[in-house]
Amino acid sequence: MKIERQLSGDTLTLSLEGRLDTMTSPELEKELNASLDSAQSLILDFSKLDYISSAGLRVLLYAHKAMSGKGGMKVTNVNEIVQEVFEVTGFADVLTVE
């Protein structure tokens, strides 16, 4: 998985490419741990994300909780496969998905 990081003011945008699964979720968690202190809001751009597993969902839940006391978090450009995972797991009701 590839992660592109962009900080614009106090908004952090992370663009993910590839698969967010058991093998790659620690990489995203490491990036979030290093970056969230400097951000008031978080945007996760999933336009190039092909797949998400339960391990990836766990990291999203961590990020959502970390940002809930700040400006919040949103997930953008979600494909049909990832959207279906969000709906089946109930994450579509918890996360802000655009």
PDB file of N, CA and C in Angstrom:
ATOM      1  N   MET A   1       0.841  -1.176   0.000  1.00  0.00           N
ATOM      2  CA  MET A   1       0.000   0.000   0.000  1.00  0.00           C
ATOM      3  C   MET A   1       0.887   1.240   0.000  1.00  0.00           C
ATOM      4  N   LYS A   2       0.427   2.247  -0.687  1.00  0.00           N
ATOM      5  CA  LYS A   2       1.137   3.524  -0.751  1.00  0.00           C
ATOM      6  C   LYS A   2       0.288   4.576  -0.042  1.00  0.00           C
ATOM      7  N   ILE A   3       0.944   5.414   0.773  1.00  0.00           N
ATOM      8  CA  ILE A   3       0.260   6.488   1.494  1.00  0.00           C
ATOM      9  C   ILE A   3       0.884   7.807   1.087  1.00  0.00           C
ATOM     10  N   GLU A   4       0.047   8.723   0.589  1.00  0.00           N
ATOM     11  CA  GLU A   4       0.499  10.077   0.290  1.00  0.00           C
ATOM     12  C   GLU A   4      -0.079  10.993   1.355  1.00  0.00           C
ATOM     13  N   ARG A   5       0.779  11.843   1.933  1.00  0.00           N
ATOM     14  CA  ARG A   5       0.399  12.721   3.034  1.00  0.00           C
ATOM     15  C   ARG A   5       0.444  14.166   2.571  1.00  0.00           C
ATOM     16  N   GLN A   6      -0.620  14.926   2.890  1.00  0.00           N
ATOM     17  CA  GLN A   6      -0.643  16.348   2.567  1.00  0.00           C
ATOM     18  C   GLN A   6      -1.276  17.090   3.743  1.00  0.00           C
ATOM     19  N   LEU A   7      -0.563  18.068   4.276  1.00  0.00           N
ATOM     20  CA  LEU A   7      -1.080  18.900   5.354  1.00  0.00           C
ATOM     21  C   LEU A   7      -1.343  20.280   4.790  1.00  0.00           C
ATOM     22  N   SER A   8      -2.599  20.702   4.845  1.00  0.00           N
ATOM     23  CA  SER A   8      -3.000  22.015   4.361  1.00  0.00           C
ATOM     24  C   SER A   8      -3.655  22.751   5.518  1.00  0.00           C
ATOM     25  N   GLY A   9      -2.934  23.702   6.089  1.00  0.00           N
ATOM     26  CA  GLY A   9      -3.430  24.349   7.294  1.00  0.00           C
ATOM     27  C   GLY A   9      -3.460  23.332   8.417  1.00  0.00           C
ATOM     28  N   ASP A  10      -4.640  23.129   8.988  1.00  0.00           N
ATOM     29  CA  ASP A  10      -4.771  22.126  10.052  1.00  0.00           C
ATOM     30  C   ASP A  10      -5.537  20.888   9.582  1.00  0.00           C
ATOM     31  N   THR A  11      -5.656  20.722   8.248  1.00  0.00           N
ATOM     32  CA  THR A  11      -6.325  19.555   7.679  1.00  0.00           C
ATOM     33  C   THR A  11      -5.299  18.615   7.061  1.00  0.00           C
ATOM     34  N   LEU A  12      -5.288  17.390   7.562  1.00  0.00           N
ATOM     35  CA  LEU A  12      -4.396  16.357   7.049  1.00  0.00           C
ATOM     36  C   LEU A  12      -5.172  15.476   6.077  1.00  0.00           C
ATOM     37  N   THR A  13      -4.637  15.308   4.879  1.00  0.00           N
ATOM     38  CA  THR A  13      -5.225  14.406   3.898  1.00  0.00           C
ATOM     39  C   THR A  13      -4.250  13.260   3.660  1.00  0.00           C
ATOM     40  N   LEU A  14      -4.749  12.040   3.846  1.00  0.00           N
ATOM     41  CA  LEU A  14      -3.973  10.842   3.540  1.00  0.00           C
ATOM     42  C   LEU A  14      -4.651  10.130   2.377  1.00  0.00           C
ATOM     43  N   SER A  15      -3.933   9.982   1.287  1.00  0.00           N
ATOM     44  CA  SER A  15      -4.448   9.275   0.110  1.00  0.00           C
ATOM     45  C   SER A  15      -3.846   7.882   0.112  1.00  0.00           C
ATOM     46  N   LEU A  16      -4.717   6.869   0.111  1.00  0.00           N
ATOM     47  CA  LEU A  16      -4.263   5.486   0.175  1.00  0.00           C
ATOM     48  C   LEU A  16      -4.404   4.826  -1.188  1.00  0.00           C
ATOM     49  N   GLU A  17      -3.401   4.024  -1.530  1.00  0.00           N
ATOM     50  CA  GLU A  17      -3.425   3.303  -2.798  1.00  0.00           C
ATOM     51  C   GLU A  17      -3.089   1.845  -2.543  1.00  0.00           C
ATOM     52  N   GLY A  18      -3.914   0.942  -3.068  1.00  0.00           N
ATOM     53  CA  GLY A  18      -3.660  -0.488  -2.926  1.00  0.00           C
ATOM     54  C   GLY A  18      -4.665  -1.157  -2.011  1.00  0.00           C
ATOM     55  N   ARG A  19      -4.148  -1.977  -1.085  1.00  0.00           N
ATOM     56  CA  ARG A  19      -4.996  -2.754  -0.179  1.00  0.00           C
ATOM     57  C   ARG A  19      -4.687  -2.378   1.268  1.00  0.00           C
ATOM     58  N   LEU A  20      -5.740  -2.160   2.049  1.00  0.00           N
ATOM     59  CA  LEU A  20      -5.597  -1.901   3.480  1.00  0.00           C
ATOM     60  C   LEU A  20      -6.035  -3.171   4.199  1.00  0.00           C
ATOM     61  N   ASP A  21      -5.048  -3.971   4.584  1.00  0.00           N
ATOM     62  CA  ASP A  21      -5.333  -5.280   5.164  1.00  0.00           C
ATOM     63  C   ASP A  21      -4.388  -5.564   6.328  1.00  0.00           C
ATOM     64  N   THR A  22      -4.311  -6.806   6.743  1.00  0.00           N
ATOM     65  CA  THR A  22      -3.487  -7.199   7.884  1.00  0.00           C
ATOM     66  C   THR A  22      -2.019  -6.826   7.680  1.00  0.00           C
ATOM     67  N   MET A  23      -1.542  -6.935   6.477  1.00  0.00           N
ATOM     68  CA  MET A  23      -0.133  -6.655   6.197  1.00  0.00           C
ATOM     69  C   MET A  23       0.168  -5.156   6.141  1.00  0.00           C
ATOM     70  N   THR A  24      -0.794  -4.343   5.710  1.00  0.00           N
ATOM     71  CA  THR A  24      -0.525  -2.925   5.485  1.00  0.00           C
ATOM     72  C   THR A  24      -1.122  -1.995   6.534  1.00  0.00           C
ATOM     73  N   SER A  25      -2.068  -2.469   7.324  1.00  0.00           N
ATOM     74  CA  SER A  25      -2.700  -1.592   8.313  1.00  0.00           C
ATOM     75  C   SER A  25      -1.713  -1.046   9.352  1.00  0.00           C
ATOM     76  N   PRO A  26      -0.671  -1.793   9.761  1.00  0.00           N
ATOM     77  CA  PRO A  26       0.293  -1.185  10.690  1.00  0.00           C
ATOM     78  C   PRO A  26       1.002   0.042  10.098  1.00  0.00           C
ATOM     79  N   GLU A  27       1.181   0.051   8.796  1.00  0.00           N
ATOM     80  CA  GLU A  27       1.806   1.201   8.126  1.00  0.00           C
ATOM     81  C   GLU A  27       0.919   2.444   8.255  1.00  0.00           C
ATOM     82  N   LEU A  28      -0.391   2.273   8.051  1.00  0.00           N
ATOM     83  CA  LEU A  28      -1.317   3.392   8.201  1.00  0.00           C
ATOM     84  C   LEU A  28      -1.382   3.831   9.658  1.00  0.00           C
ATOM     85  N   GLU A  29      -1.427   2.892  10.570  1.00  0.00           N
ATOM     86  CA  GLU A  29      -1.479   3.237  11.986  1.00  0.00           C
ATOM     87  C   GLU A  29      -0.230   4.027  12.395  1.00  0.00           C
ATOM     88  N   LYS A  30       0.915   3.640  11.896  1.00  0.00           N
ATOM     89  CA  LYS A  30       2.161   4.358  12.185  1.00  0.00           C
ATOM     90  C   LYS A  30       2.096   5.789  11.655  1.00  0.00           C
ATOM     91  N   GLU A  31       1.597   5.953  10.441  1.00  0.00           N
ATOM     92  CA  GLU A  31       1.451   7.283   9.848  1.00  0.00           C
ATOM     93  C   GLU A  31       0.488   8.137  10.659  1.00  0.00           C
ATOM     94  N   LEU A  32      -0.633   7.555  11.092  1.00  0.00           N
ATOM     95  CA  LEU A  32      -1.603   8.298  11.897  1.00  0.00           C
ATOM     96  C   LEU A  32      -0.995   8.716  13.231  1.00  0.00           C
ATOM     97  N   ASN A  33      -0.286   7.823  13.885  1.00  0.00           N
ATOM     98  CA  ASN A  33       0.345   8.153  15.161  1.00  0.00           C
ATOM     99  C   ASN A  33       1.333   9.308  15.019  1.00  0.00           C
ATOM    100  N   ALA A  34       2.024   9.358  13.910  1.00  0.00           N
ATOM    101  CA  ALA A  34       3.021  10.398  13.681  1.00  0.00           C
ATOM    102  C   ALA A  34       2.400  11.726  13.255  1.00  0.00           C
ATOM    103  N   SER A  35       1.184  11.699  12.706  1.00  0.00           N
ATOM    104  CA  SER A  35       0.631  12.885  12.055  1.00  0.00           C
ATOM    105  C   SER A  35      -0.568  13.522  12.733  1.00  0.00           C
ATOM    106  N   LEU A  36      -1.320  12.787  13.517  1.00  0.00           N
ATOM    107  CA  LEU A  36      -2.595  13.305  14.016  1.00  0.00           C
ATOM    108  C   LEU A  36      -2.461  14.466  14.996  1.00  0.00           C
ATOM    109  N   ASP A  37      -1.361  14.547  15.715  1.00  0.00           N
ATOM    110  CA  ASP A  37      -1.202  15.645  16.668  1.00  0.00           C
ATOM    111  C   ASP A  37      -1.187  17.008  15.993  1.00  0.00           C
ATOM    112  N   SER A  38      -0.692  17.069  14.772  1.00  0.00           N
ATOM    113  CA  SER A  38      -0.587  18.340  14.063  1.00  0.00           C
ATOM    114  C   SER A  38      -1.844  18.688  13.272  1.00  0.00           C
ATOM    115  N   ALA A  39      -2.854  17.842  13.309  1.00  0.00           N
ATOM    116  CA  ALA A  39      -4.062  18.055  12.493  1.00  0.00           C
ATOM    117  C   ALA A  39      -5.305  18.236  13.365  1.00  0.00           C
ATOM    118  N   GLN A  40      -6.178  19.120  12.913  1.00  0.00           N
ATOM    119  CA  GLN A  40      -7.473  19.292  13.561  1.00  0.00           C
ATOM    120  C   GLN A  40      -8.575  18.509  12.842  1.00  0.00           C
ATOM    121  N   SER A  41      -8.358  18.223  11.565  1.00  0.00           N
ATOM    122  CA  SER A  41      -9.310  17.402  10.818  1.00  0.00           C
ATOM    123  C   SER A  41      -8.528  16.464   9.894  1.00  0.00           C
ATOM    124  N   LEU A  42      -9.172  15.343   9.579  1.00  0.00           N
ATOM    125  CA  LEU A  42      -8.526  14.303   8.784  1.00  0.00           C
ATOM    126  C   LEU A  42      -9.426  13.911   7.627  1.00  0.00           C
ATOM    127  N   ILE A  43      -8.825  13.846   6.444  1.00  0.00           N
ATOM    128  CA  ILE A  43      -9.511  13.350   5.251  1.00  0.00           C
ATOM    129  C   ILE A  43      -8.742  12.128   4.768  1.00  0.00           C
ATOM    130  N   LEU A  44      -9.448  11.030   4.602  1.00  0.00           N
ATOM    131  CA  LEU A  44      -8.859   9.824   4.027  1.00  0.00           C
ATOM    132  C   LEU A  44      -9.408   9.672   2.619  1.00  0.00           C
ATOM    133  N   ASP A  45      -8.551   9.813   1.646  1.00  0.00           N
ATOM    134  CA  ASP A  45      -8.937   9.704   0.243  1.00  0.00           C
ATOM    135  C   ASP A  45      -8.725   8.266  -0.212  1.00  0.00           C
ATOM    136  N   PHE A  46      -9.827   7.587  -0.521  1.00  0.00           N
ATOM    137  CA  PHE A  46      -9.791   6.176  -0.905  1.00  0.00           C
ATOM    138  C   PHE A  46      -9.959   5.989  -2.408  1.00  0.00           C
ATOM    139  N   SER A  47      -9.691   7.027  -3.210  1.00  0.00           N
ATOM    140  CA  SER A  47      -9.920   6.917  -4.655  1.00  0.00           C
ATOM    141  C   SER A  47      -9.076   5.815  -5.299  1.00  0.00           C
ATOM    142  N   LYS A  48      -7.941   5.468  -4.697  1.00  0.00           N
ATOM    143  CA  LYS A  48      -7.090   4.421  -5.260  1.00  0.00           C
ATOM    144  C   LYS A  48      -6.990   3.208  -4.335  1.00  0.00           C
ATOM    145  N   LEU A  49      -7.875   3.130  -3.350  1.00  0.00           N
ATOM    146  CA  LEU A  49      -7.886   1.978  -2.446  1.00  0.00           C
ATOM    147  C   LEU A  49      -8.760   0.886  -3.048  1.00  0.00           C
ATOM    148  N   ASP A  50      -8.201  -0.309  -3.189  1.00  0.00           N
ATOM    149  CA  ASP A  50      -8.907  -1.419  -3.835  1.00  0.00           C
ATOM    150  C   ASP A  50      -9.692  -2.284  -2.859  1.00  0.00           C
ATOM    151  N   TYR A  51      -9.213  -2.373  -1.612  1.00  0.00           N
ATOM    152  CA  TYR A  51      -9.754  -3.367  -0.691  1.00  0.00           C
ATOM    153  C   TYR A  51      -9.477  -2.927   0.741  1.00  0.00           C
ATOM    154  N   ILE A  52     -10.387  -3.295   1.659  1.00  0.00           N
ATOM    155  CA  ILE A  52     -10.167  -3.058   3.078  1.00  0.00           C
ATOM    156  C   ILE A  52     -10.604  -4.295   3.851  1.00  0.00           C
ATOM    157  N   SER A  53      -9.798  -4.703   4.819  1.00  0.00           N
ATOM    158  CA  SER A  53     -10.118  -5.865   5.662  1.00  0.00           C
ATOM    159  C   SER A  53     -10.502  -5.389   7.057  1.00  0.00           C
ATOM    160  N   SER A  54     -10.802  -6.338   7.939  1.00  0.00           N
ATOM    161  CA  SER A  54     -11.145  -5.991   9.314  1.00  0.00           C
ATOM    162  C   SER A  54      -9.987  -5.294  10.020  1.00  0.00           C
ATOM    163  N   ALA A  55      -8.761  -5.637   9.675  1.00  0.00           N
ATOM    164  CA  ALA A  55      -7.602  -4.956  10.262  1.00  0.00           C
ATOM    165  C   ALA A  55      -7.581  -3.486   9.839  1.00  0.00           C
ATOM    166  N   GLY A  56      -7.943  -3.221   8.603  1.00  0.00           N
ATOM    167  CA  GLY A  56      -8.036  -1.844   8.131  1.00  0.00           C
ATOM    168  C   GLY A  56      -9.167  -1.094   8.808  1.00  0.00           C
ATOM    169  N   LEU A  57     -10.285  -1.771   9.024  1.00  0.00           N
ATOM    170  CA  LEU A  57     -11.413  -1.153   9.722  1.00  0.00           C
ATOM    171  C   LEU A  57     -11.028  -0.763  11.145  1.00  0.00           C
ATOM    172  N   ARG A  58     -10.224  -1.599  11.789  1.00  0.00           N
ATOM    173  CA  ARG A  58      -9.777  -1.303  13.151  1.00  0.00           C
ATOM    174  C   ARG A  58      -8.978   0.001  13.180  1.00  0.00           C
ATOM    175  N   VAL A  59      -8.111   0.204  12.193  1.00  0.00           N
ATOM    176  CA  VAL A  59      -7.316   1.424  12.129  1.00  0.00           C
ATOM    177  C   VAL A  59      -8.221   2.626  11.850  1.00  0.00           C
ATOM    178  N   LEU A  60      -9.235   2.461  11.023  1.00  0.00           N
ATOM    179  CA  LEU A  60     -10.178   3.549  10.766  1.00  0.00           C
ATOM    180  C   LEU A  60     -10.931   3.927  12.036  1.00  0.00           C
ATOM    181  N   LEU A  61     -11.312   2.937  12.826  1.00  0.00           N
ATOM    182  CA  LEU A  61     -11.998   3.202  14.083  1.00  0.00           C
ATOM    183  C   LEU A  61     -11.081   3.963  15.039  1.00  0.00           C
ATOM    184  N   TYR A  62      -9.826   3.572  15.092  1.00  0.00           N
ATOM    185  CA  TYR A  62      -8.832   4.277  15.912  1.00  0.00           C
ATOM    186  C   TYR A  62      -8.745   5.747  15.481  1.00  0.00           C
ATOM    187  N   ALA A  63      -8.631   5.999  14.189  1.00  0.00           N
ATOM    188  CA  ALA A  63      -8.518   7.361  13.665  1.00  0.00           C
ATOM    189  C   ALA A  63      -9.787   8.152  13.964  1.00  0.00           C
ATOM    190  N   HIS A  64     -10.938   7.523  13.788  1.00  0.00           N
ATOM    191  CA  HIS A  64     -12.215   8.178  14.051  1.00  0.00           C
ATOM    192  C   HIS A  64     -12.299   8.617  15.511  1.00  0.00           C
ATOM    193  N   LYS A  65     -11.907   7.748  16.423  1.00  0.00           N
ATOM    194  CA  LYS A  65     -11.933   8.091  17.849  1.00  0.00           C
ATOM    195  C   LYS A  65     -10.942   9.205  18.167  1.00  0.00           C
ATOM    196  N   ALA A  66      -9.756   9.142  17.573  1.00  0.00           N
ATOM    197  CA  ALA A  66      -8.736  10.163  17.808  1.00  0.00           C
ATOM    198  C   ALA A  66      -9.181  11.536  17.321  1.00  0.00           C
ATOM    199  N   MET A  67      -9.929  11.571  16.221  1.00  0.00           N
ATOM    200  CA  MET A  67     -10.344  12.843  15.635  1.00  0.00           C
ATOM    201  C   MET A  67     -11.695  13.334  16.141  1.00  0.00           C
ATOM    202  N   SER A  68     -12.429  12.516  16.891  1.00  0.00           N
ATOM    203  CA  SER A  68     -13.768  12.910  17.331  1.00  0.00           C
ATOM    204  C   SER A  68     -13.729  14.101  18.283  1.00  0.00           C
ATOM    205  N   GLY A  69     -12.651  14.287  19.028  1.00  0.00           N
ATOM    206  CA  GLY A  69     -12.536  15.434  19.915  1.00  0.00           C
ATOM    207  C   GLY A  69     -11.991  16.667  19.223  1.00  0.00           C
ATOM    208  N   LYS A  70     -11.661  16.537  17.956  1.00  0.00           N
ATOM    209  CA  LYS A  70     -11.119  17.649  17.173  1.00  0.00           C
ATOM    210  C   LYS A  70     -12.145  18.036  16.114  1.00  0.00           C
ATOM    211  N   GLY A  71     -11.662  18.289  14.904  1.00  0.00           N
ATOM    212  CA  GLY A  71     -12.533  18.710  13.808  1.00  0.00           C
ATOM    213  C   GLY A  71     -13.196  17.580  13.061  1.00  0.00           C
ATOM    214  N   GLY A  72     -12.858  16.336  13.417  1.00  0.00           N
ATOM    215  CA  GLY A  72     -13.508  15.193  12.793  1.00  0.00           C
ATOM    216  C   GLY A  72     -12.708  14.578  11.666  1.00  0.00           C
ATOM    217  N   MET A  73     -13.294  13.535  11.095  1.00  0.00           N
ATOM    218  CA  MET A  73     -12.665  12.752  10.040  1.00  0.00           C
ATOM    219  C   MET A  73     -13.704  12.420   8.986  1.00  0.00           C
ATOM    220  N   LYS A  74     -13.282  12.432   7.736  1.00  0.00           N
ATOM    221  CA  LYS A  74     -14.175  11.960   6.677  1.00  0.00           C
ATOM    222  C   LYS A  74     -13.390  11.103   5.698  1.00  0.00           C
ATOM    223  N   VAL A  75     -14.113  10.190   5.077  1.00  0.00           N
ATOM    224  CA  VAL A  75     -13.553   9.284   4.081  1.00  0.00           C
ATOM    225  C   VAL A  75     -14.171   9.670   2.743  1.00  0.00           C
ATOM    226  N   THR A  76     -13.321   9.869   1.740  1.00  0.00           N
ATOM    227  CA  THR A  76     -13.816  10.316   0.438  1.00  0.00           C
ATOM    228  C   THR A  76     -13.452   9.320  -0.655  1.00  0.00           C
ATOM    229  N   ASN A  77     -14.197   9.406  -1.758  1.00  0.00           N
ATOM    230  CA  ASN A  77     -13.921   8.636  -2.985  1.00  0.00           C
ATOM    231  C   ASN A  77     -13.868   7.125  -2.750  1.00  0.00           C
ATOM    232  N   VAL A  78     -14.877   6.626  -2.071  1.00  0.00           N
ATOM    233  CA  VAL A  78     -14.943   5.200  -1.730  1.00  0.00           C
ATOM    234  C   VAL A  78     -15.536   4.421  -2.906  1.00  0.00           C
ATOM    235  N   ASN A  79     -14.865   3.325  -3.292  1.00  0.00           N
ATOM    236  CA  ASN A  79     -15.403   2.509  -4.387  1.00  0.00           C
ATOM    237  C   ASN A  79     -16.508   1.582  -3.873  1.00  0.00           C
ATOM    238  N   GLU A  80     -17.154   0.869  -4.771  1.00  0.00           N
ATOM    239  CA  GLU A  80     -18.297   0.022  -4.410  1.00  0.00           C
ATOM    240  C   GLU A  80     -17.921  -1.099  -3.449  1.00  0.00           C
ATOM    241  N   ILE A  81     -16.751  -1.690  -3.630  1.00  0.00           N
ATOM    242  CA  ILE A  81     -16.318  -2.811  -2.784  1.00  0.00           C
ATOM    243  C   ILE A  81     -16.128  -2.348  -1.347  1.00  0.00           C
ATOM    244  N   VAL A  82     -15.413  -1.242  -1.164  1.00  0.00           N
ATOM    245  CA  VAL A  82     -15.172  -0.708   0.178  1.00  0.00           C
ATOM    246  C   VAL A  82     -16.478  -0.210   0.788  1.00  0.00           C
ATOM    247  N   GLN A  83     -17.327   0.426  -0.012  1.00  0.00           N
ATOM    248  CA  GLN A  83     -18.615   0.908   0.489  1.00  0.00           C
ATOM    249  C   GLN A  83     -19.466  -0.250   0.987  1.00  0.00           C
ATOM    250  N   GLU A  84     -19.444  -1.360   0.278  1.00  0.00           N
ATOM    251  CA  GLU A  84     -20.204  -2.538   0.706  1.00  0.00           C
ATOM    252  C   GLU A  84     -19.688  -3.059   2.052  1.00  0.00           C
ATOM    253  N   VAL A  85     -18.372  -3.074   2.225  1.00  0.00           N
ATOM    254  CA  VAL A  85     -17.797  -3.484   3.517  1.00  0.00           C
ATOM    255  C   VAL A  85     -18.264  -2.530   4.617  1.00  0.00           C
ATOM    256  N   PHE A  86     -18.259  -1.229   4.343  1.00  0.00           N
ATOM    257  CA  PHE A  86     -18.730  -0.257   5.324  1.00  0.00           C
ATOM    258  C   PHE A  86     -20.194  -0.509   5.694  1.00  0.00           C
ATOM    259  N   GLU A  87     -21.027  -0.817   4.708  1.00  0.00           N
ATOM    260  CA  GLU A  87     -22.457  -1.034   4.965  1.00  0.00           C
ATOM    261  C   GLU A  87     -22.699  -2.315   5.745  1.00  0.00           C
ATOM    262  N   VAL A  88     -22.025  -3.397   5.372  1.00  0.00           N
ATOM    263  CA  VAL A  88     -22.216  -4.688   6.036  1.00  0.00           C
ATOM    264  C   VAL A  88     -21.755  -4.636   7.497  1.00  0.00           C
ATOM    265  N   THR A  89     -20.669  -3.900   7.750  1.00  0.00           N
ATOM    266  CA  THR A  89     -20.105  -3.852   9.100  1.00  0.00           C
ATOM    267  C   THR A  89     -20.712  -2.750   9.965  1.00  0.00           C
ATOM    268  N   GLY A  90     -21.517  -1.881   9.393  1.00  0.00           N
ATOM    269  CA  GLY A  90     -22.099  -0.771  10.145  1.00  0.00           C
ATOM    270  C   GLY A  90     -21.224   0.467  10.174  1.00  0.00           C
ATOM    271  N   PHE A  91     -20.056   0.409   9.550  1.00  0.00           N
ATOM    272  CA  PHE A  91     -19.158   1.571   9.524  1.00  0.00           C
ATOM    273  C   PHE A  91     -19.771   2.728   8.731  1.00  0.00           C
ATOM    274  N   ALA A  92     -20.658   2.429   7.795  1.00  0.00           N
ATOM    275  CA  ALA A  92     -21.310   3.497   7.032  1.00  0.00           C
ATOM    276  C   ALA A  92     -22.150   4.374   7.937  1.00  0.00           C
ATOM    277  N   ASP A  93     -22.603   3.848   9.061  1.00  0.00           N
ATOM    278  CA  ASP A  93     -23.395   4.624  10.016  1.00  0.00           C
ATOM    279  C   ASP A  93     -22.515   5.403  10.991  1.00  0.00           C
ATOM    280  N   VAL A  94     -21.264   4.990  11.130  1.00  0.00           N
ATOM    281  CA  VAL A  94     -20.346   5.609  12.094  1.00  0.00           C
ATOM    282  C   VAL A  94     -19.474   6.665  11.431  1.00  0.00           C
ATOM    283  N   LEU A  95     -18.951   6.361  10.267  1.00  0.00           N
ATOM    284  CA  LEU A  95     -18.026   7.252   9.563  1.00  0.00           C
ATOM    285  C   LEU A  95     -18.762   8.248   8.678  1.00  0.00           C
ATOM    286  N   THR A  96     -18.138   9.383   8.441  1.00  0.00           N
ATOM    287  CA  THR A  96     -18.628  10.322   7.452  1.00  0.00           C
ATOM    288  C   THR A  96     -17.991   9.932   6.125  1.00  0.00           C
ATOM    289  N   VAL A  97     -18.826   9.427   5.196  1.00  0.00           N
ATOM    290  CA  VAL A  97     -18.338   8.957   3.901  1.00  0.00           C
ATOM    291  C   VAL A  97     -18.919   9.850   2.822  1.00  0.00           C
ATOM    292  N   GLU A  98     -18.035  10.407   2.011  1.00  0.00           N
ATOM    293  CA  GLU A  98     -18.493  11.278   0.919  1.00  0.00           C
ATOM    294  C   GLU A  98     -18.055  10.719  -0.416  1.00  0.00           C
TER     295      GLU A  98
END
